[in-house]
Amino acid sequence: SRQGYEMKTWVELNSFYTQTVTLYRQQFGFLVVIILAM
């Protein structure tokens, strides 16, 4: 930053990845609830 540069991680560069992770985490959480109920 002091040298006038900026940096981004691969997660920040790929919004599709963040959306995919959120979707799969929610699906797994729902699966945990279903199996717990069963």
Full PDB file with SEQRES, HELIX, SHEET, SSBOND, CRYST1, ORIGX, SCALE, CONECT and MASTER records, all heavy atoms in Angstrom:
SEQRES   1 A   38  SER ARG GLN GLY TYR GLU MET LYS THR TRP VAL GLU LEU          
SEQRES   2 A   38  ASN SER PHE TYR THR GLN THR VAL THR LEU TYR ARG GLN          
SEQRES   3 A   38  GLN PHE GLY PHE LEU VAL VAL ILE ILE LEU ALA MET              
HELIX    1 AA1 TRP A   10  LEU A   13  1                                   4    
HELIX    2 AA2 SER A   15  ALA A   37  1                                  23    
CRYST1    1.000    1.000    1.000  90.00  90.00  90.00 P 1           1          
ORIGX1      1.000000  0.000000  0.000000        0.00000                         
ORIGX2      0.000000  1.000000  0.000000        0.00000                         
ORIGX3      0.000000  0.000000  1.000000        0.00000                         
SCALE1      1.000000  0.000000  0.000000        0.00000                         
SCALE2      0.000000  1.000000  0.000000        0.00000                         
SCALE3      0.000000  0.000000  1.000000        0.00000                         
ATOM      1  N   SER A   1       0.833  -1.206   0.000  1.00  0.00           N  
ATOM      2  CA  SER A   1       0.000   0.000   0.000  1.00  0.00           C  
ATOM      3  C   SER A   1       0.866   1.254   0.000  1.00  0.00           C  
ATOM      4  O   SER A   1       0.557   2.237  -0.692  1.00  0.00           O  
ATOM      5  CB  SER A   1      -0.925   0.001   1.220  1.00  0.00           C  
ATOM      6  OG  SER A   1      -1.830  -1.080   1.162  1.00  0.00           O  
ATOM      7  N   ARG A   2       1.947   1.231   0.767  1.00  0.00           N  
ATOM      8  CA  ARG A   2       2.840   2.390   0.810  1.00  0.00           C  
ATOM      9  C   ARG A   2       3.517   2.639  -0.537  1.00  0.00           C  
ATOM     10  O   ARG A   2       3.889   3.765  -0.853  1.00  0.00           O  
ATOM     11  CB  ARG A   2       3.897   2.198   1.904  1.00  0.00           C  
ATOM     12  CG  ARG A   2       3.339   2.291   3.319  1.00  0.00           C  
ATOM     13  CD  ARG A   2       4.466   2.415   4.333  1.00  0.00           C  
ATOM     14  NE  ARG A   2       5.329   1.237   4.344  1.00  0.00           N  
ATOM     15  CZ  ARG A   2       5.158   0.187   5.127  1.00  0.00           C  
ATOM     16  NH1 ARG A   2       4.117   0.159   5.980  1.00  0.00           N  
ATOM     17  NH2 ARG A   2       5.980  -0.841   5.100  1.00  0.00           N  
ATOM     18  N   GLN A   3       3.673   1.580  -1.322  1.00  0.00           N  
ATOM     19  CA  GLN A   3       4.322   1.709  -2.627  1.00  0.00           C  
ATOM     20  C   GLN A   3       3.331   2.019  -3.748  1.00  0.00           C  
ATOM     21  O   GLN A   3       3.710   2.098  -4.911  1.00  0.00           O  
ATOM     22  CB  GLN A   3       5.083   0.423  -2.965  1.00  0.00           C  
ATOM     23  CG  GLN A   3       6.238   0.135  -2.015  1.00  0.00           C  
ATOM     24  CD  GLN A   3       6.916  -1.190  -2.338  1.00  0.00           C  
ATOM     25  OE1 GLN A   3       6.530  -1.893  -3.268  1.00  0.00           O  
ATOM     26  NE2 GLN A   3       7.947  -1.528  -1.574  1.00  0.00           N  
ATOM     27  N   GLY A   4       2.049   2.172  -3.414  1.00  0.00           N  
ATOM     28  CA  GLY A   4       1.054   2.511  -4.423  1.00  0.00           C  
ATOM     29  C   GLY A   4       0.410   1.314  -5.100  1.00  0.00           C  
ATOM     30  O   GLY A   4      -0.186   1.461  -6.177  1.00  0.00           O  
ATOM     31  N   TYR A   5       0.501   0.147  -4.469  1.00  0.00           N  
ATOM     32  CA  TYR A   5      -0.113  -1.060  -5.033  1.00  0.00           C  
ATOM     33  C   TYR A   5      -1.312  -1.492  -4.186  1.00  0.00           C  
ATOM     34  O   TYR A   5      -1.439  -1.115  -3.019  1.00  0.00           O  
ATOM     35  CB  TYR A   5       0.901  -2.211  -5.085  1.00  0.00           C  
ATOM     36  CG  TYR A   5       2.074  -1.969  -6.001  1.00  0.00           C  
ATOM     37  CD1 TYR A   5       3.352  -1.741  -5.484  1.00  0.00           C  
ATOM     38  CD2 TYR A   5       1.911  -1.967  -7.383  1.00  0.00           C  
ATOM     39  CE1 TYR A   5       4.442  -1.521  -6.315  1.00  0.00           C  
ATOM     40  CE2 TYR A   5       2.989  -1.750  -8.228  1.00  0.00           C  
ATOM     41  CZ  TYR A   5       4.250  -1.530  -7.688  1.00  0.00           C  
ATOM     42  OH  TYR A   5       5.306  -1.314  -8.520  1.00  0.00           O  
ATOM     43  N   GLU A   6      -2.154  -2.289  -4.783  1.00  0.00           N  
ATOM     44  CA  GLU A   6      -3.242  -2.926  -4.043  1.00  0.00           C  
ATOM     45  C   GLU A   6      -3.245  -4.417  -4.355  1.00  0.00           C  
ATOM     46  O   GLU A   6      -2.789  -4.844  -5.414  1.00  0.00           O  
ATOM     47  CB  GLU A   6      -4.592  -2.304  -4.371  1.00  0.00           C  
ATOM     48  CG  GLU A   6      -5.030  -2.414  -5.818  1.00  0.00           C  
ATOM     49  CD  GLU A   6      -6.387  -1.780  -6.054  1.00  0.00           C  
ATOM     50  OE1 GLU A   6      -7.230  -1.858  -5.152  1.00  0.00           O  
ATOM     51  OE2 GLU A   6      -6.599  -1.215  -7.149  1.00  0.00           O  
ATOM     52  N   MET A   7      -3.768  -5.188  -3.395  1.00  0.00           N  
ATOM     53  CA  MET A   7      -3.747  -6.645  -3.526  1.00  0.00           C  
ATOM     54  C   MET A   7      -5.143  -7.213  -3.300  1.00  0.00           C  
ATOM     55  O   MET A   7      -5.896  -6.722  -2.455  1.00  0.00           O  
ATOM     56  CB  MET A   7      -2.769  -7.238  -2.502  1.00  0.00           C  
ATOM     57  CG  MET A   7      -2.793  -8.756  -2.429  1.00  0.00           C  
ATOM     58  SD  MET A   7      -1.708  -9.389  -1.123  1.00  0.00           S  
ATOM     59  CE  MET A   7      -0.110  -9.055  -1.843  1.00  0.00           C  
ATOM     60  N   LYS A   8      -5.461  -8.236  -4.065  1.00  0.00           N  
ATOM     61  CA  LYS A   8      -6.717  -8.959  -3.862  1.00  0.00           C  
ATOM     62  C   LYS A   8      -6.423 -10.450  -3.800  1.00  0.00           C  
ATOM     63  O   LYS A   8      -5.576 -10.964  -4.535  1.00  0.00           O  
ATOM     64  CB  LYS A   8      -7.715  -8.675  -4.988  1.00  0.00           C  
ATOM     65  CG  LYS A   8      -8.383  -7.315  -4.884  1.00  0.00           C  
ATOM     66  CD  LYS A   8      -9.599  -7.224  -5.784  1.00  0.00           C  
ATOM     67  CE  LYS A   8     -10.352  -5.924  -5.574  1.00  0.00           C  
ATOM     68  NZ  LYS A   8     -11.612  -5.883  -6.346  1.00  0.00           N  
ATOM     69  N   THR A   9      -7.149 -11.132  -2.929  1.00  0.00           N  
ATOM     70  CA  THR A   9      -7.022 -12.584  -2.841  1.00  0.00           C  
ATOM     71  C   THR A   9      -7.909 -13.240  -3.891  1.00  0.00           C  
ATOM     72  O   THR A   9      -8.800 -12.602  -4.468  1.00  0.00           O  
ATOM     73  CB  THR A   9      -7.421 -13.086  -1.454  1.00  0.00           C  
ATOM     74  OG1 THR A   9      -8.836 -12.857  -1.260  1.00  0.00           O  
ATOM     75  CG2 THR A   9      -6.649 -12.358  -0.362  1.00  0.00           C  
ATOM     76  N   TRP A  10      -7.694 -14.531  -4.097  1.00  0.00           N  
ATOM     77  CA  TRP A  10      -8.485 -15.247  -5.095  1.00  0.00           C  
ATOM     78  C   TRP A  10      -9.958 -15.291  -4.718  1.00  0.00           C  
ATOM     79  O   TRP A  10     -10.831 -15.328  -5.596  1.00  0.00           O  
ATOM     80  CB  TRP A  10      -7.937 -16.650  -5.299  1.00  0.00           C  
ATOM     81  CG  TRP A  10      -8.023 -17.548  -4.093  1.00  0.00           C  
ATOM     82  CD1 TRP A  10      -7.111 -17.668  -3.087  1.00  0.00           C  
ATOM     83  CD2 TRP A  10      -9.084 -18.455  -3.774  1.00  0.00           C  
ATOM     84  NE1 TRP A  10      -7.541 -18.587  -2.160  1.00  0.00           N  
ATOM     85  CE2 TRP A  10      -8.743 -19.089  -2.558  1.00  0.00           C  
ATOM     86  CE3 TRP A  10     -10.276 -18.796  -4.397  1.00  0.00           C  
ATOM     87  CZ2 TRP A  10      -9.557 -20.033  -1.949  1.00  0.00           C  
ATOM     88  CZ3 TRP A  10     -11.096 -19.743  -3.801  1.00  0.00           C  
ATOM     89  CH2 TRP A  10     -10.735 -20.356  -2.602  1.00  0.00           C  
ATOM     90  N   VAL A  11     -10.266 -15.249  -3.430  1.00  0.00           N  
ATOM     91  CA  VAL A  11     -11.669 -15.238  -3.005  1.00  0.00           C  
ATOM     92  C   VAL A  11     -12.325 -13.923  -3.413  1.00  0.00           C  
ATOM     93  O   VAL A  11     -13.463 -13.899  -3.898  1.00  0.00           O  
ATOM     94  CB  VAL A  11     -11.773 -15.444  -1.478  1.00  0.00           C  
ATOM     95  CG1 VAL A  11     -13.224 -15.327  -1.024  1.00  0.00           C  
ATOM     96  CG2 VAL A  11     -11.212 -16.804  -1.086  1.00  0.00           C  
ATOM     97  N   GLU A  12     -11.607 -12.809  -3.223  1.00  0.00           N  
ATOM     98  CA  GLU A  12     -12.149 -11.502  -3.601  1.00  0.00           C  
ATOM     99  C   GLU A  12     -12.302 -11.373  -5.113  1.00  0.00           C  
ATOM    100  O   GLU A  12     -13.177 -10.644  -5.594  1.00  0.00           O  
ATOM    101  CB  GLU A  12     -11.232 -10.394  -3.080  1.00  0.00           C  
ATOM    102  CG  GLU A  12     -11.176 -10.306  -1.561  1.00  0.00           C  
ATOM    103  CD  GLU A  12     -10.105  -9.361  -1.066  1.00  0.00           C  
ATOM    104  OE1 GLU A  12      -8.985  -9.370  -1.639  1.00  0.00           O  
ATOM    105  OE2 GLU A  12     -10.371  -8.614  -0.117  1.00  0.00           O  
ATOM    106  N   LEU A  13     -11.482 -12.075  -5.858  1.00  0.00           N  
ATOM    107  CA  LEU A  13     -11.537 -12.006  -7.317  1.00  0.00           C  
ATOM    108  C   LEU A  13     -12.619 -12.893  -7.912  1.00  0.00           C  
ATOM    109  O   LEU A  13     -12.965 -12.743  -9.086  1.00  0.00           O  
ATOM    110  CB  LEU A  13     -10.184 -12.401  -7.912  1.00  0.00           C  
ATOM    111  CG  LEU A  13      -9.027 -11.441  -7.651  1.00  0.00           C  
ATOM    112  CD1 LEU A  13      -7.702 -12.099  -8.013  1.00  0.00           C  
ATOM    113  CD2 LEU A  13      -9.212 -10.152  -8.431  1.00  0.00           C  
ATOM    114  N   ASN A  14     -13.145 -13.824  -7.126  1.00  0.00           N  
ATOM    115  CA  ASN A  14     -14.123 -14.790  -7.640  1.00  0.00           C  
ATOM    116  C   ASN A  14     -15.391 -14.751  -6.798  1.00  0.00           C  
ATOM    117  O   ASN A  14     -15.537 -15.507  -5.836  1.00  0.00           O  
ATOM    118  CB  ASN A  14     -13.531 -16.207  -7.624  1.00  0.00           C  
ATOM    119  CG  ASN A  14     -12.368 -16.372  -8.573  1.00  0.00           C  
ATOM    120  OD1 ASN A  14     -12.524 -16.336  -9.787  1.00  0.00           O  
ATOM    121  ND2 ASN A  14     -11.170 -16.535  -8.024  1.00  0.00           N  
ATOM    122  N   SER A  15     -16.298 -13.865  -7.154  1.00  0.00           N  
ATOM    123  CA  SER A  15     -17.565 -13.774  -6.407  1.00  0.00           C  
ATOM    124  C   SER A  15     -18.384 -15.057  -6.550  1.00  0.00           C  
ATOM    125  O   SER A  15     -19.140 -15.421  -5.642  1.00  0.00           O  
ATOM    126  CB  SER A  15     -18.377 -12.579  -6.901  1.00  0.00           C  
ATOM    127  OG  SER A  15     -18.656 -12.686  -8.293  1.00  0.00           O  
ATOM    128  N   PHE A  16     -18.213 -15.750  -7.673  1.00  0.00           N  
ATOM    129  CA  PHE A  16     -18.941 -17.001  -7.869  1.00  0.00           C  
ATOM    130  C   PHE A  16     -18.564 -18.030  -6.803  1.00  0.00           C  
ATOM    131  O   PHE A  16     -19.412 -18.793  -6.342  1.00  0.00           O  
ATOM    132  CB  PHE A  16     -18.637 -17.567  -9.264  1.00  0.00           C  
ATOM    133  CG  PHE A  16     -19.272 -18.899  -9.539  1.00  0.00           C  
ATOM    134  CD1 PHE A  16     -20.627 -19.009  -9.773  1.00  0.00           C  
ATOM    135  CD2 PHE A  16     -18.506 -20.069  -9.544  1.00  0.00           C  
ATOM    136  CE1 PHE A  16     -21.218 -20.249 -10.015  1.00  0.00           C  
ATOM    137  CE2 PHE A  16     -19.075 -21.309  -9.781  1.00  0.00           C  
ATOM    138  CZ  PHE A  16     -20.444 -21.393 -10.025  1.00  0.00           C  
ATOM    139  N   TYR A  17     -17.292 -18.025  -6.387  1.00  0.00           N  
ATOM    140  CA  TYR A  17     -16.859 -18.961  -5.351  1.00  0.00           C  
ATOM    141  C   TYR A  17     -17.574 -18.675  -4.035  1.00  0.00           C  
ATOM    142  O   TYR A  17     -18.051 -19.600  -3.373  1.00  0.00           O  
ATOM    143  CB  TYR A  17     -15.349 -18.862  -5.166  1.00  0.00           C  
ATOM    144  CG  TYR A  17     -14.830 -19.681  -4.005  1.00  0.00           C  
ATOM    145  CD1 TYR A  17     -14.618 -21.050  -4.129  1.00  0.00           C  
ATOM    146  CD2 TYR A  17     -14.568 -19.093  -2.766  1.00  0.00           C  
ATOM    147  CE1 TYR A  17     -14.163 -21.809  -3.068  1.00  0.00           C  
ATOM    148  CE2 TYR A  17     -14.107 -19.840  -1.706  1.00  0.00           C  
ATOM    149  CZ  TYR A  17     -13.909 -21.197  -1.855  1.00  0.00           C  
ATOM    150  OH  TYR A  17     -13.465 -21.947  -0.787  1.00  0.00           O  
ATOM    151  N   THR A  18     -17.642 -17.416  -3.645  1.00  0.00           N  
ATOM    152  CA  THR A  18     -18.313 -17.045  -2.401  1.00  0.00           C  
ATOM    153  C   THR A  18     -19.778 -17.472  -2.429  1.00  0.00           C  
ATOM    154  O   THR A  18     -20.304 -18.003  -1.438  1.00  0.00           O  
ATOM    155  CB  THR A  18     -18.213 -15.528  -2.180  1.00  0.00           C  
ATOM    156  OG1 THR A  18     -16.836 -15.131  -2.216  1.00  0.00           O  
ATOM    157  CG2 THR A  18     -18.800 -15.135  -0.835  1.00  0.00           C  
ATOM    158  N   GLN A  19     -20.431 -17.254  -3.555  1.00  0.00           N  
ATOM    159  CA  GLN A  19     -21.837 -17.652  -3.683  1.00  0.00           C  
ATOM    160  C   GLN A  19     -21.986 -19.163  -3.605  1.00  0.00           C  
ATOM    161  O   GLN A  19     -22.917 -19.679  -2.975  1.00  0.00           O  
ATOM    162  CB  GLN A  19     -22.392 -17.121  -5.004  1.00  0.00           C  
ATOM    163  CG  GLN A  19     -22.428 -15.602  -5.095  1.00  0.00           C  
ATOM    164  CD  GLN A  19     -22.649 -15.106  -6.513  1.00  0.00           C  
ATOM    165  OE1 GLN A  19     -22.756 -15.908  -7.457  1.00  0.00           O  
ATOM    166  NE2 GLN A  19     -22.713 -13.798  -6.686  1.00  0.00           N  
ATOM    167  N   THR A  20     -21.052 -19.880  -4.238  1.00  0.00           N  
ATOM    168  CA  THR A  20     -21.103 -21.343  -4.214  1.00  0.00           C  
ATOM    169  C   THR A  20     -20.916 -21.882  -2.802  1.00  0.00           C  
ATOM    170  O   THR A  20     -21.637 -22.783  -2.365  1.00  0.00           O  
ATOM    171  CB  THR A  20     -20.018 -21.927  -5.142  1.00  0.00           C  
ATOM    172  OG1 THR A  20     -20.225 -21.448  -6.468  1.00  0.00           O  
ATOM    173  CG2 THR A  20     -20.056 -23.449  -5.138  1.00  0.00           C  
ATOM    174  N   VAL A  21     -19.939 -21.323  -2.075  1.00  0.00           N  
ATOM    175  CA  VAL A  21     -19.686 -21.769  -0.700  1.00  0.00           C  
ATOM    176  C   VAL A  21     -20.901 -21.515   0.171  1.00  0.00           C  
ATOM    177  O   VAL A  21     -21.307 -22.376   0.960  1.00  0.00           O  
ATOM    178  CB  VAL A  21     -18.439 -21.056  -0.124  1.00  0.00           C  
ATOM    179  CG1 VAL A  21     -18.313 -21.336   1.371  1.00  0.00           C  
ATOM    180  CG2 VAL A  21     -17.189 -21.520  -0.851  1.00  0.00           C  
ATOM    181  N   THR A  22     -21.502 -20.332   0.048  1.00  0.00           N  
ATOM    182  CA  THR A  22     -22.694 -20.010   0.838  1.00  0.00           C  
ATOM    183  C   THR A  22     -23.818 -20.995   0.557  1.00  0.00           C  
ATOM    184  O   THR A  22     -24.487 -21.493   1.485  1.00  0.00           O  
ATOM    185  CB  THR A  22     -23.168 -18.580   0.520  1.00  0.00           C  
ATOM    186  OG1 THR A  22     -22.117 -17.655   0.802  1.00  0.00           O  
ATOM    187  CG2 THR A  22     -24.377 -18.215   1.360  1.00  0.00           C  
ATOM    188  N   LEU A  23     -24.014 -21.315  -0.720  1.00  0.00           N  
ATOM    189  CA  LEU A  23     -25.065 -22.260  -1.097  1.00  0.00           C  
ATOM    190  C   LEU A  23     -24.818 -23.638  -0.494  1.00  0.00           C  
ATOM    191  O   LEU A  23     -25.715 -24.231   0.126  1.00  0.00           O  
ATOM    192  CB  LEU A  23     -25.131 -22.358  -2.629  1.00  0.00           C  
ATOM    193  CG  LEU A  23     -26.077 -23.432  -3.202  1.00  0.00           C  
ATOM    194  CD1 LEU A  23     -27.510 -23.119  -2.841  1.00  0.00           C  
ATOM    195  CD2 LEU A  23     -25.899 -23.533  -4.717  1.00  0.00           C  
ATOM    196  N   TYR A  24     -23.596 -24.153  -0.644  1.00  0.00           N  
ATOM    197  CA  TYR A  24     -23.290 -25.490  -0.143  1.00  0.00           C  
ATOM    198  C   TYR A  24     -23.321 -25.551   1.385  1.00  0.00           C  
ATOM    199  O   TYR A  24     -23.760 -26.550   1.966  1.00  0.00           O  
ATOM    200  CB  TYR A  24     -21.928 -25.952  -0.661  1.00  0.00           C  
ATOM    201  CG  TYR A  24     -21.962 -26.421  -2.096  1.00  0.00           C  
ATOM    202  CD1 TYR A  24     -21.012 -25.985  -3.014  1.00  0.00           C  
ATOM    203  CD2 TYR A  24     -22.938 -27.299  -2.546  1.00  0.00           C  
ATOM    204  CE1 TYR A  24     -21.039 -26.407  -4.341  1.00  0.00           C  
ATOM    205  CE2 TYR A  24     -22.975 -27.722  -3.859  1.00  0.00           C  
ATOM    206  CZ  TYR A  24     -22.029 -27.277  -4.747  1.00  0.00           C  
ATOM    207  OH  TYR A  24     -22.060 -27.691  -6.057  1.00  0.00           O  
ATOM    208  N   ARG A  25     -22.878 -24.483   2.058  1.00  0.00           N  
ATOM    209  CA  ARG A  25     -22.922 -24.470   3.519  1.00  0.00           C  
ATOM    210  C   ARG A  25     -24.367 -24.513   4.015  1.00  0.00           C  
ATOM    211  O   ARG A  25     -24.694 -25.206   4.979  1.00  0.00           O  
ATOM    212  CB  ARG A  25     -22.236 -23.219   4.065  1.00  0.00           C  
ATOM    213  CG  ARG A  25     -20.774 -23.073   3.718  1.00  0.00           C  
ATOM    214  CD  ARG A  25     -19.908 -24.008   4.512  1.00  0.00           C  
ATOM    215  NE  ARG A  25     -18.486 -23.677   4.315  1.00  0.00           N  
ATOM    216  CZ  ARG A  25     -17.530 -24.553   4.244  1.00  0.00           C  
ATOM    217  NH1 ARG A  25     -17.798 -25.830   4.357  1.00  0.00           N  
ATOM    218  NH2 ARG A  25     -16.262 -24.191   4.067  1.00  0.00           N  
ATOM    219  N   GLN A  26     -25.239 -23.768   3.342  1.00  0.00           N  
ATOM    220  CA  GLN A  26     -26.649 -23.770   3.725  1.00  0.00           C  
ATOM    221  C   GLN A  26     -27.282 -25.138   3.470  1.00  0.00           C  
ATOM    222  O   GLN A  26     -28.075 -25.629   4.280  1.00  0.00           O  
ATOM    223  CB  GLN A  26     -27.401 -22.688   2.962  1.00  0.00           C  
ATOM    224  CG  GLN A  26     -27.033 -21.264   3.397  1.00  0.00           C  
ATOM    225  CD  GLN A  26     -27.751 -20.210   2.584  1.00  0.00           C  
ATOM    226  OE1 GLN A  26     -28.354 -20.495   1.542  1.00  0.00           O  
ATOM    227  NE2 GLN A  26     -27.683 -18.964   3.042  1.00  0.00           N  
ATOM    228  N   GLN A  27     -26.902 -25.753   2.366  1.00  0.00           N  
ATOM    229  CA  GLN A  27     -27.430 -27.091   2.068  1.00  0.00           C  
ATOM    230  C   GLN A  27     -26.983 -28.099   3.119  1.00  0.00           C  
ATOM    231  O   GLN A  27     -27.779 -28.934   3.573  1.00  0.00           O  
ATOM    232  CB  GLN A  27     -26.952 -27.544   0.684  1.00  0.00           C  
ATOM    233  CG  GLN A  27     -27.623 -26.816  -0.466  1.00  0.00           C  
ATOM    234  CD  GLN A  27     -27.116 -27.265  -1.814  1.00  0.00           C  
ATOM    235  OE1 GLN A  27     -26.042 -27.854  -1.932  1.00  0.00           O  
ATOM    236  NE2 GLN A  27     -27.862 -26.979  -2.863  1.00  0.00           N  
ATOM    237  N   PHE A  28     -25.716 -28.015   3.531  1.00  0.00           N  
ATOM    238  CA  PHE A  28     -25.224 -28.946   4.544  1.00  0.00           C  
ATOM    239  C   PHE A  28     -25.899 -28.688   5.890  1.00  0.00           C  
ATOM    240  O   PHE A  28     -26.233 -29.624   6.620  1.00  0.00           O  
ATOM    241  CB  PHE A  28     -23.708 -28.826   4.687  1.00  0.00           C  
ATOM    242  CG  PHE A  28     -23.120 -29.792   5.685  1.00  0.00           C  
ATOM    243  CD1 PHE A  28     -23.185 -31.163   5.459  1.00  0.00           C  
ATOM    244  CD2 PHE A  28     -22.518 -29.346   6.850  1.00  0.00           C  
ATOM    245  CE1 PHE A  28     -22.656 -32.059   6.372  1.00  0.00           C  
ATOM    246  CE2 PHE A  28     -21.981 -30.229   7.763  1.00  0.00           C  
ATOM    247  CZ  PHE A  28     -22.062 -31.588   7.524  1.00  0.00           C  
ATOM    248  N   GLY A  29     -26.096 -27.412   6.236  1.00  0.00           N  
ATOM    249  CA  GLY A  29     -26.805 -27.102   7.472  1.00  0.00           C  
ATOM    250  C   GLY A  29     -28.217 -27.654   7.471  1.00  0.00           C  
ATOM    251  O   GLY A  29     -28.683 -28.193   8.490  1.00  0.00           O  
ATOM    252  N   PHE A  30     -28.897 -27.537   6.330  1.00  0.00           N  
ATOM    253  CA  PHE A  30     -30.241 -28.094   6.216  1.00  0.00           C  
ATOM    254  C   PHE A  30     -30.204 -29.616   6.345  1.00  0.00           C  
ATOM    255  O   PHE A  30     -31.078 -30.226   6.980  1.00  0.00           O  
ATOM    256  CB  PHE A  30     -30.847 -27.686   4.868  1.00  0.00           C  
ATOM    257  CG  PHE A  30     -32.268 -28.102   4.677  1.00  0.00           C  
ATOM    258  CD1 PHE A  30     -33.265 -27.601   5.496  1.00  0.00           C  
ATOM    259  CD2 PHE A  30     -32.613 -28.996   3.674  1.00  0.00           C  
ATOM    260  CE1 PHE A  30     -34.589 -27.985   5.313  1.00  0.00           C  
ATOM    261  CE2 PHE A  30     -33.922 -29.381   3.483  1.00  0.00           C  
ATOM    262  CZ  PHE A  30     -34.926 -28.871   4.304  1.00  0.00           C  
ATOM    263  N   LEU A  31     -29.177 -30.240   5.767  1.00  0.00           N  
ATOM    264  CA  LEU A  31     -29.031 -31.690   5.859  1.00  0.00           C  
ATOM    265  C   LEU A  31     -28.798 -32.128   7.306  1.00  0.00           C  
ATOM    266  O   LEU A  31     -29.330 -33.155   7.752  1.00  0.00           O  
ATOM    267  CB  LEU A  31     -27.868 -32.150   4.976  1.00  0.00           C  
ATOM    268  CG  LEU A  31     -27.616 -33.657   4.885  1.00  0.00           C  
ATOM    269  CD1 LEU A  31     -28.810 -34.356   4.260  1.00  0.00           C  
ATOM    270  CD2 LEU A  31     -26.360 -33.939   4.076  1.00  0.00           C  
ATOM    271  N   VAL A  32     -28.003 -31.356   8.049  1.00  0.00           N  
ATOM    272  CA  VAL A  32     -27.767 -31.676   9.461  1.00  0.00           C  
ATOM    273  C   VAL A  32     -29.083 -31.663  10.231  1.00  0.00           C  
ATOM    274  O   VAL A  32     -29.358 -32.557  11.046  1.00  0.00           O  
ATOM    275  CB  VAL A  32     -26.769 -30.670  10.088  1.00  0.00           C  
ATOM    276  CG1 VAL A  32     -26.717 -30.838  11.607  1.00  0.00           C  
ATOM    277  CG2 VAL A  32     -25.382 -30.872   9.503  1.00  0.00           C  
ATOM    278  N   VAL A  33     -29.910 -30.652   9.965  1.00  0.00           N  
ATOM    279  CA  VAL A  33     -31.207 -30.548  10.656  1.00  0.00           C  
ATOM    280  C   VAL A  33     -32.087 -31.742  10.309  1.00  0.00           C  
ATOM    281  O   VAL A  33     -32.742 -32.328  11.186  1.00  0.00           O  
ATOM    282  CB  VAL A  33     -31.902 -29.224  10.278  1.00  0.00           C  
ATOM    283  CG1 VAL A  33     -33.319 -29.189  10.839  1.00  0.00           C  
ATOM    284  CG2 VAL A  33     -31.101 -28.039  10.800  1.00  0.00           C  
ATOM    285  N   ILE A  34     -32.111 -32.124   9.023  1.00  0.00           N  
ATOM    286  CA  ILE A  34     -32.946 -33.252   8.602  1.00  0.00           C  
ATOM    287  C   ILE A  34     -32.492 -34.546   9.268  1.00  0.00           C  
ATOM    288  O   ILE A  34     -33.307 -35.318   9.802  1.00  0.00           O  
ATOM    289  CB  ILE A  34     -32.907 -33.405   7.062  1.00  0.00           C  
ATOM    290  CG1 ILE A  34     -33.645 -32.234   6.403  1.00  0.00           C  
ATOM    291  CG2 ILE A  34     -33.523 -34.727   6.633  1.00  0.00           C  
ATOM    292  CD1 ILE A  34     -33.583 -32.258   4.897  1.00  0.00           C  
ATOM    293  N   ILE A  35     -31.190 -34.816   9.254  1.00  0.00           N  
ATOM    294  CA  ILE A  35     -30.680 -36.058   9.851  1.00  0.00           C  
ATOM    295  C   ILE A  35     -30.888 -36.058  11.359  1.00  0.00           C  
ATOM    296  O   ILE A  35     -31.227 -37.087  11.952  1.00  0.00           O  
ATOM    297  CB  ILE A  35     -29.194 -36.252   9.486  1.00  0.00           C  
ATOM    298  CG1 ILE A  35     -29.078 -36.566   7.985  1.00  0.00           C  
ATOM    299  CG2 ILE A  35     -28.556 -37.361  10.321  1.00  0.00           C  
ATOM    300  CD1 ILE A  35     -27.679 -36.831   7.517  1.00  0.00           C  
ATOM    301  N   LEU A  36     -30.725 -34.899  12.006  1.00  0.00           N  
ATOM    302  CA  LEU A  36     -30.991 -34.813  13.441  1.00  0.00           C  
ATOM    303  C   LEU A  36     -32.447 -35.139  13.733  1.00  0.00           C  
ATOM    304  O   LEU A  36     -32.751 -35.889  14.677  1.00  0.00           O  
ATOM    305  CB  LEU A  36     -30.643 -33.418  13.954  1.00  0.00           C  
ATOM    306  CG  LEU A  36     -30.881 -33.149  15.447  1.00  0.00           C  
ATOM    307  CD1 LEU A  36     -30.066 -34.111  16.310  1.00  0.00           C  
ATOM    308  CD2 LEU A  36     -30.550 -31.709  15.799  1.00  0.00           C  
ATOM    309  N   ALA A  37     -33.356 -34.593  12.904  1.00  0.00           N  
ATOM    310  CA  ALA A  37     -34.784 -34.876  13.100  1.00  0.00           C  
ATOM    311  C   ALA A  37     -35.085 -36.360  12.883  1.00  0.00           C  
ATOM    312  O   ALA A  37     -35.853 -36.981  13.647  1.00  0.00           O  
ATOM    313  CB  ALA A  37     -35.619 -34.021  12.152  1.00  0.00           C  
ATOM    314  N   MET A  38     -34.483 -36.957  11.845  1.00  0.00           N  
ATOM    315  CA  MET A  38     -34.700 -38.380  11.583  1.00  0.00           C  
ATOM    316  C   MET A  38     -34.160 -39.240  12.725  1.00  0.00           C  
ATOM    317  O   MET A  38     -34.793 -40.218  13.139  1.00  0.00           O  
ATOM    318  CB  MET A  38     -34.028 -38.774  10.260  1.00  0.00           C  
ATOM    319  CG  MET A  38     -34.682 -38.153   9.035  1.00  0.00           C  
ATOM    320  SD  MET A  38     -33.787 -38.540   7.505  1.00  0.00           S  
ATOM    321  CE  MET A  38     -33.945 -40.324   7.474  1.00  0.00           C  
TER     322      MET A  38                                                      
MASTER        0    0    0    2    0    0    0    6  321    1    0    3          
END                                                                             
